[in-house]
Amino acid sequence: MAWEWRFEKADGTTTEPAQPPGDFGTQGDAESWIGESWPELLAEGIEQVTLLEDGAKVYGPMSLHGAED
């Protein structure tokens, strides 16, 4: 199984971060990465993310602004 994030701007268009992370081996790895990386993603203009497993949506879009609280 491959876990990955889809990155979106505020208007819902997809984008890529300056350093795309690639695929993760587990959901926990993907969630840990986003937990550490959200400030940089916001600084790049990425507003929300969706978690995918083998291309299928698991959850999202999830605002990165909620992580600021």
PDB file of N, CA and C in Angstrom:
ATOM      1  N   MET A   1       0.825  -1.181   0.000  1.00  0.00           N
ATOM      2  CA  MET A   1       0.000   0.000   0.000  1.00  0.00           C
ATOM      3  C   MET A   1       0.875   1.252   0.000  1.00  0.00           C
ATOM      4  N   ALA A   2       0.438   2.239  -0.756  1.00  0.00           N
ATOM      5  CA  ALA A   2       1.153   3.515  -0.795  1.00  0.00           C
ATOM      6  C   ALA A   2       0.235   4.603  -0.251  1.00  0.00           C
ATOM      7  N   TRP A   3       0.739   5.327   0.692  1.00  0.00           N
ATOM      8  CA  TRP A   3       0.014   6.452   1.284  1.00  0.00           C
ATOM      9  C   TRP A   3       0.654   7.731   0.780  1.00  0.00           C
ATOM     10  N   GLU A   4      -0.176   8.699   0.385  1.00  0.00           N
ATOM     11  CA  GLU A   4       0.358   9.959  -0.102  1.00  0.00           C
ATOM     12  C   GLU A   4      -0.610  11.092   0.212  1.00  0.00           C
ATOM     13  N   TRP A   5      -0.078  12.304   0.165  1.00  0.00           N
ATOM     14  CA  TRP A   5      -0.877  13.503   0.374  1.00  0.00           C
ATOM     15  C   TRP A   5      -1.124  14.190  -0.944  1.00  0.00           C
ATOM     16  N   ARG A   6      -2.334  14.708  -1.125  1.00  0.00           N
ATOM     17  CA  ARG A   6      -2.633  15.613  -2.232  1.00  0.00           C
ATOM     18  C   ARG A   6      -2.674  17.009  -1.616  1.00  0.00           C
ATOM     19  N   PHE A   7      -1.953  17.922  -2.204  1.00  0.00           N
ATOM     20  CA  PHE A   7      -1.798  19.280  -1.680  1.00  0.00           C
ATOM     21  C   PHE A   7      -2.660  20.232  -2.495  1.00  0.00           C
ATOM     22  N   GLU A   8      -3.378  21.133  -1.791  1.00  0.00           N
ATOM     23  CA  GLU A   8      -4.296  22.031  -2.473  1.00  0.00           C
ATOM     24  C   GLU A   8      -4.151  23.463  -1.980  1.00  0.00           C
ATOM     25  N   LYS A   9      -4.402  24.392  -2.896  1.00  0.00           N
ATOM     26  CA  LYS A   9      -4.486  25.810  -2.549  1.00  0.00           C
ATOM     27  C   LYS A   9      -5.876  26.067  -1.968  1.00  0.00           C
ATOM     28  N   ALA A  10      -6.130  27.278  -1.521  1.00  0.00           N
ATOM     29  CA  ALA A  10      -7.407  27.627  -0.899  1.00  0.00           C
ATOM     30  C   ALA A  10      -8.590  27.403  -1.847  1.00  0.00           C
ATOM     31  N   ASP A  11      -8.370  27.583  -3.143  1.00  0.00           N
ATOM     32  CA  ASP A  11      -9.466  27.421  -4.105  1.00  0.00           C
ATOM     33  C   ASP A  11      -9.672  25.965  -4.522  1.00  0.00           C
ATOM     34  N   GLY A  12      -8.902  25.039  -3.947  1.00  0.00           N
ATOM     35  CA  GLY A  12      -9.057  23.620  -4.240  1.00  0.00           C
ATOM     36  C   GLY A  12      -8.212  23.097  -5.374  1.00  0.00           C
ATOM     37  N   THR A  13      -7.470  23.972  -6.054  1.00  0.00           N
ATOM     38  CA  THR A  13      -6.595  23.489  -7.122  1.00  0.00           C
ATOM     39  C   THR A  13      -5.398  22.767  -6.503  1.00  0.00           C
ATOM     40  N   THR A  14      -4.970  21.718  -7.155  1.00  0.00           N
ATOM     41  CA  THR A  14      -3.850  20.951  -6.634  1.00  0.00           C
ATOM     42  C   THR A  14      -2.538  21.647  -6.946  1.00  0.00           C
ATOM     43  N   THR A  15      -1.570  21.404  -6.096  1.00  0.00           N
ATOM     44  CA  THR A  15      -0.243  21.990  -6.229  1.00  0.00           C
ATOM     45  C   THR A  15       0.746  21.022  -5.603  1.00  0.00           C
ATOM     46  N   GLU A  16       2.000  21.297  -5.723  1.00  0.00           N
ATOM     47  CA  GLU A  16       3.045  20.473  -5.115  1.00  0.00           C
ATOM     48  C   GLU A  16       3.947  21.351  -4.249  1.00  0.00           C
ATOM     49  N   PRO A  17       4.383  20.829  -3.107  1.00  0.00           N
ATOM     50  CA  PRO A  17       5.336  21.593  -2.300  1.00  0.00           C
ATOM     51  C   PRO A  17       6.701  21.632  -2.990  1.00  0.00           C
ATOM     52  N   ALA A  18       7.545  22.541  -2.519  1.00  0.00           N
ATOM     53  CA  ALA A  18       8.888  22.677  -3.089  1.00  0.00           C
ATOM     54  C   ALA A  18       9.660  21.363  -3.011  1.00  0.00           C
ATOM     55  N   GLN A  19       9.456  20.624  -1.935  1.00  0.00           N
ATOM     56  CA  GLN A  19      10.115  19.327  -1.763  1.00  0.00           C
ATOM     57  C   GLN A  19       9.049  18.266  -1.509  1.00  0.00           C
ATOM     58  N   PRO A  20       8.462  17.707  -2.584  1.00  0.00           N
ATOM     59  CA  PRO A  20       7.412  16.699  -2.412  1.00  0.00           C
ATOM     60  C   PRO A  20       7.936  15.493  -1.636  1.00  0.00           C
ATOM     61  N   PRO A  21       7.133  14.970  -0.708  1.00  0.00           N
ATOM     62  CA  PRO A  21       7.603  13.875   0.137  1.00  0.00           C
ATOM     63  C   PRO A  21       7.569  12.509  -0.519  1.00  0.00           C
ATOM     64  N   GLY A  22       6.821  12.324  -1.596  1.00  0.00           N
ATOM     65  CA  GLY A  22       6.673  11.004  -2.176  1.00  0.00           C
ATOM     66  C   GLY A  22       5.662  10.186  -1.385  1.00  0.00           C
ATOM     67  N   ASP A  23       5.746   8.863  -1.525  1.00  0.00           N
ATOM     68  CA  ASP A  23       4.804   7.968  -0.860  1.00  0.00           C
ATOM     69  C   ASP A  23       5.331   7.542   0.502  1.00  0.00           C
ATOM     70  N   PHE A  24       4.393   7.189   1.366  1.00  0.00           N
ATOM     71  CA  PHE A  24       4.727   6.710   2.706  1.00  0.00           C
ATOM     72  C   PHE A  24       4.315   5.251   2.822  1.00  0.00           C
ATOM     73  N   GLY A  25       4.992   4.513   3.699  1.00  0.00           N
ATOM     74  CA  GLY A  25       4.697   3.095   3.876  1.00  0.00           C
ATOM     75  C   GLY A  25       3.465   2.821   4.718  1.00  0.00           C
ATOM     76  N   THR A  26       3.153   3.748   5.618  1.00  0.00           N
ATOM     77  CA  THR A  26       1.997   3.558   6.494  1.00  0.00           C
ATOM     78  C   THR A  26       1.237   4.869   6.654  1.00  0.00           C
ATOM     79  N   GLN A  27       0.004   4.764   7.091  1.00  0.00           N
ATOM     80  CA  GLN A  27      -0.787   5.952   7.370  1.00  0.00           C
ATOM     81  C   GLN A  27      -0.132   6.766   8.478  1.00  0.00           C
ATOM     82  N   GLY A  28       0.397   6.086   9.485  1.00  0.00           N
ATOM     83  CA  GLY A  28       1.065   6.775  10.589  1.00  0.00           C
ATOM     84  C   GLY A  28       2.263   7.578  10.128  1.00  0.00           C
ATOM     85  N   ASP A  29       3.035   7.039   9.190  1.00  0.00           N
ATOM     86  CA  ASP A  29       4.186   7.773   8.648  1.00  0.00           C
ATOM     87  C   ASP A  29       3.723   9.041   7.930  1.00  0.00           C
ATOM     88  N   ALA A  30       2.655   8.915   7.144  1.00  0.00           N
ATOM     89  CA  ALA A  30       2.129  10.068   6.412  1.00  0.00           C
ATOM     90  C   ALA A  30       1.620  11.128   7.383  1.00  0.00           C
ATOM     91  N   GLU A  31       0.905  10.700   8.416  1.00  0.00           N
ATOM     92  CA  GLU A  31       0.351  11.648   9.377  1.00  0.00           C
ATOM     93  C   GLU A  31       1.446  12.293  10.227  1.00  0.00           C
ATOM     94  N   SER A  32       2.469  11.560  10.561  1.00  0.00           N
ATOM     95  CA  SER A  32       3.592  12.135  11.302  1.00  0.00           C
ATOM     96  C   SER A  32       4.287  13.198  10.467  1.00  0.00           C
ATOM     97  N   TRP A  33       4.473  12.905   9.177  1.00  0.00           N
ATOM     98  CA  TRP A  33       5.138  13.864   8.299  1.00  0.00           C
ATOM     99  C   TRP A  33       4.335  15.155   8.206  1.00  0.00           C
ATOM    100  N   ILE A  34       3.016  15.057   8.017  1.00  0.00           N
ATOM    101  CA  ILE A  34       2.210  16.273   7.889  1.00  0.00           C
ATOM    102  C   ILE A  34       2.212  17.035   9.204  1.00  0.00           C
ATOM    103  N   GLY A  35       2.259  16.319  10.321  1.00  0.00           N
ATOM    104  CA  GLY A  35       2.306  16.961  11.627  1.00  0.00           C
ATOM    105  C   GLY A  35       3.567  17.784  11.839  1.00  0.00           C
ATOM    106  N   GLU A  36       4.638  17.396  11.180  1.00  0.00           N
ATOM    107  CA  GLU A  36       5.900  18.122  11.286  1.00  0.00           C
ATOM    108  C   GLU A  36       6.062  19.178  10.190  1.00  0.00           C
ATOM    109  N   SER A  37       5.400  18.978   9.062  1.00  0.00           N
ATOM    110  CA  SER A  37       5.663  19.795   7.873  1.00  0.00           C
ATOM    111  C   SER A  37       4.643  20.885   7.596  1.00  0.00           C
ATOM    112  N   TRP A  38       3.527  20.904   8.308  1.00  0.00           N
ATOM    113  CA  TRP A  38       2.464  21.848   7.968  1.00  0.00           C
ATOM    114  C   TRP A  38       2.905  23.312   7.987  1.00  0.00           C
ATOM    115  N   PRO A  39       3.797  23.765   8.895  1.00  0.00           N
ATOM    116  CA  PRO A  39       4.158  25.199   8.846  1.00  0.00           C
ATOM    117  C   PRO A  39       4.840  25.586   7.521  1.00  0.00           C
ATOM    118  N   GLU A  40       5.714  24.727   7.031  1.00  0.00           N
ATOM    119  CA  GLU A  40       6.396  25.000   5.770  1.00  0.00           C
ATOM    120  C   GLU A  40       5.413  24.973   4.600  1.00  0.00           C
ATOM    121  N   LEU A  41       4.472  24.040   4.650  1.00  0.00           N
ATOM    122  CA  LEU A  41       3.482  23.945   3.582  1.00  0.00           C
ATOM    123  C   LEU A  41       2.617  25.202   3.532  1.00  0.00           C
ATOM    124  N   LEU A  42       2.169  25.670   4.690  1.00  0.00           N
ATOM    125  CA  LEU A  42       1.382  26.905   4.740  1.00  0.00           C
ATOM    126  C   LEU A  42       2.180  28.085   4.178  1.00  0.00           C
ATOM    127  N   ALA A  43       3.456  28.149   4.520  1.00  0.00           N
ATOM    128  CA  ALA A  43       4.313  29.234   4.035  1.00  0.00           C
ATOM    129  C   ALA A  43       4.437  29.210   2.509  1.00  0.00           C
ATOM    130  N   GLU A  44       4.281  28.031   1.918  1.00  0.00           N
ATOM    131  CA  GLU A  44       4.356  27.889   0.462  1.00  0.00           C
ATOM    132  C   GLU A  44       3.009  28.136  -0.213  1.00  0.00           C
ATOM    133  N   GLY A  45       1.971  28.410   0.565  1.00  0.00           N
ATOM    134  CA  GLY A  45       0.661  28.672  -0.017  1.00  0.00           C
ATOM    135  C   GLY A  45      -0.239  27.461  -0.102  1.00  0.00           C
ATOM    136  N   ILE A  46       0.175  26.353   0.489  1.00  0.00           N
ATOM    137  CA  ILE A  46      -0.674  25.160   0.532  1.00  0.00           C
ATOM    138  C   ILE A  46      -1.607  25.310   1.726  1.00  0.00           C
ATOM    139  N   GLU A  47      -2.902  25.262   1.472  1.00  0.00           N
ATOM    140  CA  GLU A  47      -3.907  25.534   2.499  1.00  0.00           C
ATOM    141  C   GLU A  47      -4.546  24.281   3.074  1.00  0.00           C
ATOM    142  N   GLN A  48      -4.628  23.215   2.263  1.00  0.00           N
ATOM    143  CA  GLN A  48      -5.308  22.002   2.714  1.00  0.00           C
ATOM    144  C   GLN A  48      -4.694  20.775   2.052  1.00  0.00           C
ATOM    145  N   VAL A  49      -4.934  19.624   2.686  1.00  0.00           N
ATOM    146  CA  VAL A  49      -4.389  18.365   2.188  1.00  0.00           C
ATOM    147  C   VAL A  49      -5.447  17.270   2.257  1.00  0.00           C
ATOM    148  N   THR A  50      -5.289  16.278   1.414  1.00  0.00           N
ATOM    149  CA  THR A  50      -6.145  15.096   1.411  1.00  0.00           C
ATOM    150  C   THR A  50      -5.231  13.880   1.449  1.00  0.00           C
ATOM    151  N   LEU A  51      -5.553  12.935   2.330  1.00  0.00           N
ATOM    152  CA  LEU A  51      -4.766  11.702   2.426  1.00  0.00           C
ATOM    153  C   LEU A  51      -5.340  10.651   1.484  1.00  0.00           C
ATOM    154  N   LEU A  52      -4.447  10.033   0.704  1.00  0.00           N
ATOM    155  CA  LEU A  52      -4.832   8.998  -0.250  1.00  0.00           C
ATOM    156  C   LEU A  52      -4.109   7.695   0.072  1.00  0.00           C
ATOM    157  N   GLU A  53      -4.820   6.590  -0.112  1.00  0.00           N
ATOM    158  CA  GLU A  53      -4.207   5.255  -0.009  1.00  0.00           C
ATOM    159  C   GLU A  53      -4.387   4.585  -1.359  1.00  0.00           C
ATOM    160  N   ASP A  54      -3.279   4.298  -2.014  1.00  0.00           N
ATOM    161  CA  ASP A  54      -3.303   3.723  -3.363  1.00  0.00           C
ATOM    162  C   ASP A  54      -4.229   4.501  -4.292  1.00  0.00           C
ATOM    163  N   GLY A  55      -4.211   5.831  -4.164  1.00  0.00           N
ATOM    164  CA  GLY A  55      -4.998   6.688  -5.035  1.00  0.00           C
ATOM    165  C   GLY A  55      -6.431   6.937  -4.585  1.00  0.00           C
ATOM    166  N   ALA A  56      -6.900   6.203  -3.571  1.00  0.00           N
ATOM    167  CA  ALA A  56      -8.264   6.374  -3.066  1.00  0.00           C
ATOM    168  C   ALA A  56      -8.266   7.313  -1.862  1.00  0.00           C
ATOM    169  N   LYS A  57      -9.224   8.215  -1.832  1.00  0.00           N
ATOM    170  CA  LYS A  57      -9.324   9.183  -0.741  1.00  0.00           C
ATOM    171  C   LYS A  57      -9.648   8.478   0.578  1.00  0.00           C
ATOM    172  N   VAL A  58      -8.836   8.774   1.603  1.00  0.00           N
ATOM    173  CA  VAL A  58      -9.075   8.265   2.954  1.00  0.00           C
ATOM    174  C   VAL A  58      -9.802   9.332   3.764  1.00  0.00           C
ATOM    175  N   TYR A  59      -9.278  10.550   3.749  1.00  0.00           N
ATOM    176  CA  TYR A  59      -9.957  11.688   4.343  1.00  0.00           C
ATOM    177  C   TYR A  59      -9.400  12.989   3.800  1.00  0.00           C
ATOM    178  N   GLY A  60     -10.186  14.036   3.975  1.00  0.00           N
ATOM    179  CA  GLY A  60      -9.801  15.353   3.518  1.00  0.00           C
ATOM    180  C   GLY A  60     -10.847  15.903   2.572  1.00  0.00           C
ATOM    181  N   PRO A  61     -10.672  17.119   2.143  1.00  0.00           N
ATOM    182  CA  PRO A  61      -9.532  17.969   2.449  1.00  0.00           C
ATOM    183  C   PRO A  61      -9.538  18.445   3.905  1.00  0.00           C
ATOM    184  N   MET A  62      -8.355  18.540   4.450  1.00  0.00           N
ATOM    185  CA  MET A  62      -8.134  18.954   5.835  1.00  0.00           C
ATOM    186  C   MET A  62      -7.340  20.263   5.798  1.00  0.00           C
ATOM    187  N   SER A  63      -7.900  21.281   6.425  1.00  0.00           N
ATOM    188  CA  SER A  63      -7.232  22.576   6.460  1.00  0.00           C
ATOM    189  C   SER A  63      -5.964  22.494   7.299  1.00  0.00           C
ATOM    190  N   LEU A  64      -4.907  23.099   6.821  1.00  0.00           N
ATOM    191  CA  LEU A  64      -3.683  23.185   7.599  1.00  0.00           C
ATOM    192  C   LEU A  64      -3.753  24.310   8.620  1.00  0.00           C
ATOM    193  N   HIS A  65      -4.727  25.190   8.480  1.00  0.00           N
ATOM    194  CA  HIS A  65      -4.879  26.283   9.426  1.00  0.00           C
ATOM    195  C   HIS A  65      -5.333  25.780  10.791  1.00  0.00           C
ATOM    196  N   GLY A  66      -6.024  24.657  10.852  1.00  0.00           N
ATOM    197  CA  GLY A  66      -6.448  24.089  12.122  1.00  0.00           C
ATOM    198  C   GLY A  66      -5.278  23.637  12.967  1.00  0.00           C
ATOM    199  N   ALA A  67      -4.157  23.333  12.331  1.00  0.00           N
ATOM    200  CA  ALA A  67      -2.972  22.878  13.057  1.00  0.00           C
ATOM    201  C   ALA A  67      -2.331  24.021  13.842  1.00  0.00           C
ATOM    202  N   GLU A  68      -2.681  25.260  13.495  1.00  0.00           N
ATOM    203  CA  GLU A  68      -2.089  26.417  14.169  1.00  0.00           C
ATOM    204  C   GLU A  68      -2.601  26.589  15.601  1.00  0.00           C
ATOM    205  N   ASP A  69      -3.783  26.061  15.867  1.00  0.00           N
ATOM    206  CA  ASP A  69      -4.416  26.240  17.186  1.00  0.00           C
ATOM    207  C   ASP A  69      -3.742  25.445  18.271  1.00  0.00           C
TER     208      ASP A  69
END
